[in-house]
C-alpha cells in the first residue's frame, strides 16, 4: 500500500501542474506571435526596399532622359511645413 498523501499536497500539485501547463501554452503562443511579427516585418522591409529601388531607378531614368534631350532634371524636394504657433500677449488674444 502506498503511503497516504495529504489532500492539501495533492491540491497544490494539481494547481502547480495547471499553472505550468498555462505557462507552457502562453510561451508557445508568444513564440508563434513573435514568428509571425518577424515574417510581417521582413515582408514589409522587402516591400519598402522594392519601392525605394523603383524610385531610384526612375530618378536615374529621368536624369538620362533629360541629359539626352539637353535639359536638366531637378529631383523633387521633400515637402516640409514649418508651423509656429505664436501666442498672443496678455489680454490681446
Protein backbone atom coordinates (compact mmCIF):
# COMPACT_ATOMS: atom_id res chain seq x y z
CA UNK A 1 0.00 0.00 0.00
CA UNK A 2 1.28 3.42 -0.98
CA UNK A 3 1.78 5.98 1.74
CA UNK A 4 -1.09 8.41 2.09
CA UNK A 5 -0.52 11.92 0.79
CA UNK A 6 -2.40 14.77 2.43
CA UNK A 7 -5.19 16.25 0.34
CA UNK A 8 -3.70 19.75 0.55
CA UNK A 9 -0.48 18.47 -1.06
CA UNK A 10 -2.47 16.81 -3.85
CA UNK A 11 -4.39 20.06 -4.44
CA UNK A 12 -1.17 22.06 -4.52
CA UNK A 13 0.38 19.63 -7.01
CA UNK A 14 -2.69 19.84 -9.24
CA UNK A 15 -2.68 23.64 -9.08
CA UNK A 16 1.05 23.80 -9.89
CA UNK A 17 0.58 21.42 -12.81
CA UNK A 18 -2.26 23.58 -14.13
CA UNK A 19 -0.15 26.76 -13.79
CA UNK A 20 2.78 25.06 -15.53
CA UNK A 21 0.54 23.99 -18.42
CA UNK A 22 -0.85 27.52 -18.77
CA UNK A 23 2.67 28.97 -18.76
CA UNK A 24 3.75 26.47 -21.41
CA UNK A 25 0.75 27.39 -23.57
CA UNK A 26 1.41 31.11 -23.14
CA UNK A 27 5.05 30.62 -24.07
CA UNK A 28 4.07 28.71 -27.21
CA UNK A 29 1.58 31.40 -28.23
CA UNK A 30 4.14 34.16 -27.62
CA UNK A 31 6.69 32.31 -29.74
CA UNK A 32 4.19 31.90 -32.57
CA UNK A 33 3.24 35.58 -32.38
CA UNK A 34 6.91 36.58 -32.45
CA UNK A 35 7.50 34.42 -35.54
CA UNK A 36 4.51 35.99 -37.30
CA UNK A 37 5.66 39.51 -36.39
CA UNK A 38 9.12 38.71 -37.75
CA UNK A 39 7.62 37.44 -41.02
CA UNK A 40 5.49 40.58 -41.30
CA UNK A 41 8.49 42.83 -40.63
CA UNK A 42 10.58 41.07 -43.27
CA UNK A 43 7.77 41.29 -45.83
CA UNK A 44 7.32 44.99 -45.08
CA UNK A 45 11.05 45.64 -45.40
CA UNK A 46 11.16 43.85 -48.75
CA UNK A 47 8.21 45.91 -49.97
CA UNK A 48 9.87 49.18 -48.97
CA UNK A 49 13.21 48.11 -50.45
CA UNK A 50 11.49 47.41 -53.78
CA UNK A 51 9.72 50.77 -53.60
CA UNK A 52 12.98 52.63 -52.91
CA UNK A 53 14.74 50.75 -55.70
CA UNK A 54 11.98 51.66 -58.16
CA UNK A 55 12.17 55.33 -57.13
CA UNK A 56 15.94 55.34 -57.57
CA UNK A 57 15.66 53.72 -61.00
CA UNK A 58 13.03 56.27 -62.02
CA UNK A 59 15.31 59.11 -60.93
CA UNK A 60 18.20 57.66 -62.95
CA UNK A 61 15.95 57.24 -65.99
CA UNK A 62 14.71 60.82 -65.69
CA UNK A 63 18.27 62.16 -65.42
CA UNK A 64 19.30 60.19 -68.51
CA UNK A 65 16.28 61.39 -70.49
CA UNK A 66 16.95 65.00 -69.52
CA UNK A 67 20.60 64.69 -70.46
CA UNK A 68 19.72 63.10 -73.82
CA UNK A 69 17.31 65.97 -74.57
CA UNK A 70 19.85 68.55 -73.46
CA UNK A 71 17.83 69.64 -70.47
CA UNK A 72 18.09 69.36 -66.72
CA UNK A 73 16.37 67.09 -64.25
CA UNK A 74 15.62 68.56 -60.86
CA UNK A 75 14.64 65.86 -58.38
CA UNK A 76 11.56 66.61 -56.29
CA UNK A 77 12.33 68.17 -52.96
CA UNK A 78 10.83 66.75 -49.79
CA UNK A 79 7.73 68.54 -48.69
CA UNK A 80 8.24 70.31 -45.39
CA UNK A 81 5.95 72.57 -43.45
CA UNK A 82 7.25 74.68 -40.60
CA UNK A 83 4.39 75.63 -38.32
CA UNK A 84 4.90 78.03 -35.46
CA UNK A 85 2.16 78.95 -33.03
CA UNK A 86 2.61 82.42 -31.71
CA UNK A 87 0.62 83.01 -28.58
CA UNK A 88 -0.79 86.43 -28.05
CA UNK A 89 0.41 88.79 -25.39
CA UNK A 90 -1.53 89.20 -22.20
CA UNK A 91 -5.07 90.41 -22.88
CA UNK A 92 -4.64 90.67 -26.67
CA UNK A 93 -5.56 87.15 -27.67
